[in-house]
Amino acid sequence: MRPPKRVLIIEDNAHNLELATFLLEEGGMAVLSATDAEQARAVLAEGAPDLILMDMNLPGTDGLSLLAELRADPRLAPVPVVAVTAYAMRGDRERFLRAGCDGYLSKPIDVASFVAQVLGFIAAGRLPGPAGEGGHV
């Protein structure tokens, strides 16, 4: 029997974190959590997860800055990172993908398809895009 996939959720909204954690645990995954970049760094010091779901609007260090740190760390660079954000302005998705995210999920999450979407991102892993960055959608 394989160990469950490990997903780190970086989310400062308690309700959003609770909902995502519940859905993923019900889907058979092991969930790690952090509410800001500092906590995320501490969790990641213990080992790399299979996937990171990250709110891009975090207190303190924002998601794009934390993403740059992750991509610069050889130990964490291979981990797929999916932006989970309420940013829904034209161009935001492309901006996050260009910055190195491997996917984009908008808030509020779709509870019916969330687990399948996360499993899809884990299965796809990190594939290089046109400029060597993540290219999943």
N, C-alpha and C. Protein backbone atom coordinates (compact mmCIF):
# COMPACT_ATOMS: atom_id res chain seq x y z
N MET A 1 0.84 -1.19 0.00
CA MET A 1 0.00 0.00 0.00
C MET A 1 0.88 1.25 0.00
N ARG A 2 0.62 2.14 -0.93
CA ARG A 2 1.40 3.37 -1.04
C ARG A 2 0.99 4.37 0.03
N PRO A 3 1.96 5.17 0.49
CA PRO A 3 1.60 6.22 1.45
C PRO A 3 0.73 7.26 0.76
N PRO A 4 -0.11 7.96 1.52
CA PRO A 4 -0.96 8.98 0.90
C PRO A 4 -0.13 10.13 0.34
N LYS A 5 -0.66 10.76 -0.68
CA LYS A 5 -0.02 11.95 -1.24
C LYS A 5 -0.08 13.06 -0.20
N ARG A 6 1.01 13.82 -0.11
CA ARG A 6 1.11 14.90 0.87
C ARG A 6 0.91 16.24 0.17
N VAL A 7 -0.05 17.01 0.67
CA VAL A 7 -0.37 18.31 0.10
C VAL A 7 -0.20 19.38 1.17
N LEU A 8 0.57 20.41 0.86
CA LEU A 8 0.69 21.57 1.75
C LEU A 8 -0.26 22.64 1.25
N ILE A 9 -1.14 23.08 2.14
CA ILE A 9 -2.05 24.18 1.83
C ILE A 9 -1.53 25.41 2.57
N ILE A 10 -1.24 26.47 1.83
CA ILE A 10 -0.82 27.74 2.43
C ILE A 10 -1.97 28.71 2.22
N GLU A 11 -2.71 28.96 3.29
CA GLU A 11 -3.97 29.73 3.21
C GLU A 11 -4.20 30.43 4.54
N ASP A 12 -4.42 31.75 4.49
CA ASP A 12 -4.61 32.50 5.73
C ASP A 12 -6.08 32.61 6.16
N ASN A 13 -7.02 32.21 5.32
CA ASN A 13 -8.43 32.25 5.68
C ASN A 13 -8.81 30.91 6.33
N ALA A 14 -9.20 30.94 7.60
CA ALA A 14 -9.46 29.72 8.35
C ALA A 14 -10.56 28.86 7.71
N HIS A 15 -11.61 29.49 7.22
CA HIS A 15 -12.71 28.74 6.60
C HIS A 15 -12.23 28.03 5.33
N ASN A 16 -11.50 28.74 4.48
CA ASN A 16 -10.98 28.14 3.25
C ASN A 16 -10.03 26.99 3.55
N LEU A 17 -9.16 27.18 4.55
CA LEU A 17 -8.21 26.15 4.95
C LEU A 17 -8.94 24.91 5.47
N GLU A 18 -9.93 25.13 6.30
CA GLU A 18 -10.70 24.02 6.86
C GLU A 18 -11.43 23.23 5.78
N LEU A 19 -12.05 23.91 4.84
CA LEU A 19 -12.78 23.24 3.77
C LEU A 19 -11.84 22.43 2.89
N ALA A 20 -10.74 23.04 2.45
CA ALA A 20 -9.79 22.33 1.58
C ALA A 20 -9.19 21.13 2.30
N THR A 21 -8.84 21.31 3.58
CA THR A 21 -8.28 20.21 4.37
C THR A 21 -9.28 19.06 4.46
N PHE A 22 -10.51 19.36 4.78
CA PHE A 22 -11.55 18.34 4.89
C PHE A 22 -11.69 17.56 3.59
N LEU A 23 -11.81 18.27 2.48
CA LEU A 23 -12.01 17.62 1.19
C LEU A 23 -10.83 16.72 0.82
N LEU A 24 -9.61 17.21 1.02
CA LEU A 24 -8.44 16.43 0.66
C LEU A 24 -8.25 15.22 1.57
N GLU A 25 -8.51 15.39 2.86
CA GLU A 25 -8.40 14.25 3.77
C GLU A 25 -9.46 13.20 3.44
N GLU A 26 -10.66 13.64 3.10
CA GLU A 26 -11.70 12.70 2.68
C GLU A 26 -11.29 12.00 1.39
N GLY A 27 -10.48 12.66 0.59
CA GLY A 27 -9.98 12.09 -0.66
C GLY A 27 -8.75 11.21 -0.46
N GLY A 28 -8.36 10.99 0.79
CA GLY A 28 -7.26 10.08 1.09
C GLY A 28 -5.87 10.69 1.11
N MET A 29 -5.79 12.00 1.14
CA MET A 29 -4.49 12.66 1.15
C MET A 29 -4.10 13.09 2.56
N ALA A 30 -2.80 13.22 2.77
CA ALA A 30 -2.27 13.77 4.01
C ALA A 30 -2.10 15.27 3.80
N VAL A 31 -2.66 16.07 4.70
CA VAL A 31 -2.65 17.52 4.52
C VAL A 31 -1.77 18.17 5.56
N LEU A 32 -0.88 19.03 5.08
CA LEU A 32 -0.07 19.90 5.91
C LEU A 32 -0.62 21.30 5.70
N SER A 33 -0.46 22.18 6.67
CA SER A 33 -1.01 23.52 6.48
C SER A 33 -0.12 24.59 7.07
N ALA A 34 -0.28 25.78 6.50
CA ALA A 34 0.40 26.97 6.97
C ALA A 34 -0.49 28.15 6.66
N THR A 35 -0.45 29.17 7.51
CA THR A 35 -1.29 30.33 7.29
C THR A 35 -0.51 31.53 6.75
N ASP A 36 0.82 31.39 6.63
CA ASP A 36 1.64 32.45 6.06
C ASP A 36 2.96 31.85 5.59
N ALA A 37 3.78 32.66 4.97
CA ALA A 37 5.04 32.18 4.41
C ALA A 37 5.98 31.65 5.48
N GLU A 38 6.02 32.30 6.63
CA GLU A 38 6.91 31.86 7.70
C GLU A 38 6.56 30.43 8.15
N GLN A 39 5.28 30.17 8.36
CA GLN A 39 4.86 28.82 8.74
C GLN A 39 5.14 27.84 7.60
N ALA A 40 4.93 28.26 6.37
CA ALA A 40 5.19 27.39 5.22
C ALA A 40 6.66 26.99 5.18
N ARG A 41 7.55 27.94 5.42
CA ARG A 41 8.98 27.63 5.43
C ARG A 41 9.30 26.58 6.49
N ALA A 42 8.69 26.69 7.66
CA ALA A 42 8.92 25.73 8.74
C ALA A 42 8.42 24.34 8.35
N VAL A 43 7.24 24.27 7.74
CA VAL A 43 6.70 22.98 7.30
C VAL A 43 7.60 22.38 6.22
N LEU A 44 8.03 23.20 5.27
CA LEU A 44 8.85 22.71 4.16
C LEU A 44 10.24 22.29 4.61
N ALA A 45 10.72 22.83 5.73
CA ALA A 45 12.02 22.42 6.27
C ALA A 45 12.00 20.96 6.69
N GLU A 46 10.80 20.44 6.97
CA GLU A 46 10.64 19.04 7.40
C GLU A 46 10.59 18.08 6.21
N GLY A 47 10.44 18.60 5.01
CA GLY A 47 10.39 17.75 3.83
C GLY A 47 9.46 18.31 2.78
N ALA A 48 9.69 17.89 1.54
CA ALA A 48 8.90 18.39 0.42
C ALA A 48 7.61 17.59 0.28
N PRO A 49 6.48 18.27 0.10
CA PRO A 49 5.21 17.58 -0.17
C PRO A 49 5.12 17.20 -1.64
N ASP A 50 4.04 16.52 -2.00
CA ASP A 50 3.81 16.16 -3.40
C ASP A 50 3.23 17.33 -4.19
N LEU A 51 2.60 18.28 -3.48
CA LEU A 51 1.96 19.43 -4.12
C LEU A 51 1.80 20.54 -3.10
N ILE A 52 1.88 21.78 -3.57
CA ILE A 52 1.60 22.94 -2.72
C ILE A 52 0.43 23.69 -3.34
N LEU A 53 -0.60 23.92 -2.54
CA LEU A 53 -1.73 24.78 -2.92
C LEU A 53 -1.52 26.09 -2.16
N MET A 54 -1.36 27.19 -2.90
CA MET A 54 -0.98 28.43 -2.23
C MET A 54 -1.88 29.59 -2.59
N ASP A 55 -2.43 30.21 -1.54
CA ASP A 55 -3.12 31.48 -1.69
C ASP A 55 -2.06 32.49 -2.09
N MET A 56 -2.34 33.31 -3.07
CA MET A 56 -1.34 34.27 -3.53
C MET A 56 -1.38 35.57 -2.72
N ASN A 57 -2.46 35.78 -1.98
CA ASN A 57 -2.61 36.99 -1.17
C ASN A 57 -2.42 36.64 0.29
N LEU A 58 -1.16 36.44 0.68
CA LEU A 58 -0.83 36.06 2.05
C LEU A 58 -0.40 37.28 2.85
N PRO A 59 -0.58 37.23 4.17
CA PRO A 59 -0.06 38.32 5.00
C PRO A 59 1.46 38.26 5.05
N GLY A 60 2.11 39.39 5.14
CA GLY A 60 3.57 39.40 5.16
C GLY A 60 4.10 39.13 3.77
N THR A 61 4.91 38.10 3.64
CA THR A 61 5.45 37.71 2.34
C THR A 61 4.32 37.19 1.47
N ASP A 62 4.11 37.81 0.32
CA ASP A 62 2.99 37.37 -0.54
C ASP A 62 3.34 36.09 -1.29
N GLY A 63 2.34 35.54 -1.94
CA GLY A 63 2.49 34.27 -2.63
C GLY A 63 3.52 34.29 -3.74
N LEU A 64 3.57 35.36 -4.51
CA LEU A 64 4.55 35.42 -5.61
C LEU A 64 5.98 35.45 -5.07
N SER A 65 6.20 36.15 -3.98
CA SER A 65 7.54 36.19 -3.38
C SER A 65 7.92 34.83 -2.82
N LEU A 66 6.98 34.16 -2.16
CA LEU A 66 7.25 32.83 -1.63
C LEU A 66 7.49 31.85 -2.78
N LEU A 67 6.73 31.96 -3.84
CA LEU A 67 6.92 31.10 -5.00
C LEU A 67 8.33 31.25 -5.56
N ALA A 68 8.83 32.47 -5.65
CA ALA A 68 10.19 32.70 -6.14
C ALA A 68 11.21 32.00 -5.24
N GLU A 69 10.99 32.02 -3.93
CA GLU A 69 11.88 31.32 -2.99
C GLU A 69 11.85 29.81 -3.26
N LEU A 70 10.65 29.27 -3.45
CA LEU A 70 10.51 27.84 -3.67
C LEU A 70 11.21 27.41 -4.96
N ARG A 71 11.05 28.20 -6.02
CA ARG A 71 11.64 27.86 -7.30
C ARG A 71 13.17 27.99 -7.26
N ALA A 72 13.70 28.81 -6.35
CA ALA A 72 15.15 28.98 -6.22
C ALA A 72 15.79 27.90 -5.35
N ASP A 73 14.99 27.12 -4.64
CA ASP A 73 15.49 26.08 -3.74
C ASP A 73 15.52 24.74 -4.49
N PRO A 74 16.69 24.18 -4.75
CA PRO A 74 16.78 22.94 -5.53
C PRO A 74 15.96 21.79 -4.94
N ARG A 75 15.80 21.78 -3.63
CA ARG A 75 15.03 20.73 -2.97
C ARG A 75 13.53 20.88 -3.21
N LEU A 76 13.06 22.13 -3.37
CA LEU A 76 11.62 22.38 -3.52
C LEU A 76 11.21 22.75 -4.94
N ALA A 77 12.16 23.09 -5.79
CA ALA A 77 11.84 23.50 -7.16
C ALA A 77 11.00 22.46 -7.92
N PRO A 78 11.21 21.16 -7.71
CA PRO A 78 10.42 20.17 -8.45
C PRO A 78 8.97 20.01 -7.98
N VAL A 79 8.63 20.60 -6.84
CA VAL A 79 7.28 20.44 -6.29
C VAL A 79 6.30 21.33 -7.06
N PRO A 80 5.23 20.74 -7.61
CA PRO A 80 4.23 21.57 -8.28
C PRO A 80 3.55 22.52 -7.30
N VAL A 81 3.35 23.75 -7.73
CA VAL A 81 2.66 24.76 -6.92
C VAL A 81 1.46 25.25 -7.72
N VAL A 82 0.30 25.21 -7.07
CA VAL A 82 -0.94 25.66 -7.70
C VAL A 82 -1.42 26.90 -6.95
N ALA A 83 -1.65 27.96 -7.69
CA ALA A 83 -2.21 29.18 -7.11
C ALA A 83 -3.70 28.94 -6.86
N VAL A 84 -4.12 29.17 -5.63
CA VAL A 84 -5.55 29.09 -5.29
C VAL A 84 -5.91 30.49 -4.80
N THR A 85 -6.66 31.19 -5.62
CA THR A 85 -6.80 32.61 -5.33
C THR A 85 -8.14 33.18 -5.77
N ALA A 86 -8.51 34.24 -5.10
CA ALA A 86 -9.73 34.95 -5.46
C ALA A 86 -9.44 35.99 -6.55
N TYR A 87 -8.15 36.19 -6.87
CA TYR A 87 -7.81 37.10 -7.96
C TYR A 87 -8.44 36.57 -9.24
N ALA A 88 -9.32 37.33 -9.81
CA ALA A 88 -10.00 36.86 -11.02
C ALA A 88 -9.96 37.91 -12.12
N MET A 89 -9.01 38.80 -12.03
CA MET A 89 -8.87 39.83 -13.04
C MET A 89 -8.27 39.21 -14.30
N ARG A 90 -8.60 39.79 -15.43
CA ARG A 90 -8.05 39.31 -16.71
C ARG A 90 -6.52 39.36 -16.62
N GLY A 91 -5.89 38.26 -16.96
CA GLY A 91 -4.44 38.18 -16.96
C GLY A 91 -3.82 37.62 -15.70
N ASP A 92 -4.59 37.52 -14.60
CA ASP A 92 -4.01 37.01 -13.36
C ASP A 92 -3.52 35.57 -13.50
N ARG A 93 -4.34 34.73 -14.11
CA ARG A 93 -3.97 33.33 -14.28
C ARG A 93 -2.65 33.22 -15.05
N GLU A 94 -2.54 33.93 -16.16
CA GLU A 94 -1.33 33.89 -16.97
C GLU A 94 -0.14 34.44 -16.18
N ARG A 95 -0.37 35.47 -15.40
CA ARG A 95 0.71 36.06 -14.60
C ARG A 95 1.25 35.05 -13.60
N PHE A 96 0.36 34.30 -12.93
CA PHE A 96 0.79 33.30 -11.95
C PHE A 96 1.51 32.15 -12.64
N LEU A 97 1.03 31.73 -13.80
CA LEU A 97 1.70 30.66 -14.54
C LEU A 97 3.08 31.10 -15.00
N ARG A 98 3.19 32.32 -15.50
CA ARG A 98 4.50 32.85 -15.93
C ARG A 98 5.47 32.94 -14.76
N ALA A 99 4.95 33.22 -13.56
CA ALA A 99 5.79 33.35 -12.37
C ALA A 99 6.31 32.00 -11.88
N GLY A 100 5.73 30.91 -12.39
CA GLY A 100 6.23 29.59 -11.99
C GLY A 100 5.20 28.68 -11.37
N CYS A 101 3.95 29.10 -11.29
CA CYS A 101 2.90 28.20 -10.80
C CYS A 101 2.62 27.14 -11.86
N ASP A 102 2.21 25.99 -11.41
CA ASP A 102 1.91 24.88 -12.31
C ASP A 102 0.43 24.77 -12.60
N GLY A 103 -0.36 25.60 -11.97
CA GLY A 103 -1.79 25.59 -12.19
C GLY A 103 -2.44 26.71 -11.42
N TYR A 104 -3.73 26.82 -11.61
CA TYR A 104 -4.49 27.93 -11.06
C TYR A 104 -5.89 27.43 -10.73
N LEU A 105 -6.32 27.63 -9.52
CA LEU A 105 -7.70 27.35 -9.11
C LEU A 105 -8.27 28.62 -8.52
N SER A 106 -9.47 28.98 -8.96
CA SER A 106 -10.07 30.20 -8.43
C SER A 106 -10.94 29.87 -7.21
N LYS A 107 -11.04 30.86 -6.34
CA LYS A 107 -11.91 30.76 -5.16
C LYS A 107 -13.23 31.42 -5.51
N PRO A 108 -14.31 30.93 -4.97
CA PRO A 108 -14.37 29.77 -4.09
C PRO A 108 -14.11 28.49 -4.88
N ILE A 109 -13.50 27.50 -4.21
CA ILE A 109 -13.20 26.25 -4.89
C ILE A 109 -14.51 25.51 -5.18
N ASP A 110 -14.46 24.69 -6.21
CA ASP A 110 -15.60 23.86 -6.59
C ASP A 110 -15.48 22.56 -5.80
N VAL A 111 -16.28 22.40 -4.76
CA VAL A 111 -16.14 21.23 -3.88
C VAL A 111 -16.35 19.92 -4.62
N ALA A 112 -17.15 19.91 -5.67
CA ALA A 112 -17.43 18.67 -6.40
C ALA A 112 -16.22 18.19 -7.19
N SER A 113 -15.36 19.10 -7.64
CA SER A 113 -14.24 18.68 -8.49
C SER A 113 -12.86 18.94 -7.86
N PHE A 114 -12.82 19.52 -6.67
CA PHE A 114 -11.56 19.94 -6.06
C PHE A 114 -10.57 18.79 -5.90
N VAL A 115 -10.99 17.68 -5.34
CA VAL A 115 -10.08 16.55 -5.10
C VAL A 115 -9.54 16.03 -6.42
N ALA A 116 -10.39 15.87 -7.42
CA ALA A 116 -9.94 15.38 -8.72
C ALA A 116 -8.95 16.36 -9.35
N GLN A 117 -9.19 17.66 -9.20
CA GLN A 117 -8.27 18.66 -9.74
C GLN A 117 -6.90 18.54 -9.06
N VAL A 118 -6.91 18.40 -7.74
CA VAL A 118 -5.65 18.29 -7.00
C VAL A 118 -4.91 17.02 -7.41
N LEU A 119 -5.61 15.90 -7.51
CA LEU A 119 -4.97 14.66 -7.94
C LEU A 119 -4.40 14.80 -9.35
N GLY A 120 -5.08 15.54 -10.21
CA GLY A 120 -4.58 15.78 -11.56
C GLY A 120 -3.28 16.56 -11.54
N PHE A 121 -3.20 17.58 -10.69
CA PHE A 121 -1.97 18.36 -10.59
C PHE A 121 -0.83 17.50 -10.05
N ILE A 122 -1.12 16.63 -9.07
CA ILE A 122 -0.08 15.75 -8.53
C ILE A 122 0.40 14.79 -9.61
N ALA A 123 -0.53 14.20 -10.34
CA ALA A 123 -0.17 13.24 -11.39
C ALA A 123 0.65 13.90 -12.50
N ALA A 124 0.32 15.13 -12.84
CA ALA A 124 1.03 15.83 -13.92
C ALA A 124 2.43 16.24 -13.50
N GLY A 125 2.62 16.51 -12.21
CA GLY A 125 3.93 16.96 -11.74
C GLY A 125 4.29 18.31 -12.32
N ARG A 126 5.58 18.56 -12.36
CA ARG A 126 6.07 19.83 -12.91
C ARG A 126 6.64 19.59 -14.29
N LEU A 127 5.96 20.06 -15.29
CA LEU A 127 6.45 19.94 -16.66
C LEU A 127 6.90 21.31 -17.12
N PRO A 128 8.04 21.37 -17.81
CA PRO A 128 8.51 22.68 -18.27
C PRO A 128 7.59 23.28 -19.32
N GLY A 129 7.36 24.56 -19.21
CA GLY A 129 6.60 25.30 -20.20
C GLY A 129 7.55 25.89 -21.22
N PRO A 130 7.07 26.84 -22.01
CA PRO A 130 7.89 27.42 -23.06
C PRO A 130 9.19 28.05 -22.56
N ALA A 131 9.14 28.64 -21.37
CA ALA A 131 10.34 29.30 -20.86
C ALA A 131 10.96 28.52 -19.70
N GLY A 132 10.64 27.21 -19.62
CA GLY A 132 11.20 26.38 -18.56
C GLY A 132 10.45 26.51 -17.26
N GLU A 133 9.28 27.11 -17.28
CA GLU A 133 8.49 27.29 -16.07
C GLU A 133 7.32 26.32 -16.10
N GLY A 134 6.59 26.26 -15.01
CA GLY A 134 5.43 25.37 -14.97
C GLY A 134 4.42 25.78 -16.02
N GLY A 135 3.75 24.78 -16.60
CA GLY A 135 2.86 25.12 -17.67
C GLY A 135 1.50 24.47 -17.60
N HIS A 136 1.12 23.92 -16.47
CA HIS A 136 -0.18 23.27 -16.36
C HIS A 136 -1.29 24.28 -16.17
N VAL A 137 -2.47 23.87 -16.54
CA VAL A 137 -3.63 24.74 -16.34
C VAL A 137 -4.67 24.06 -15.52
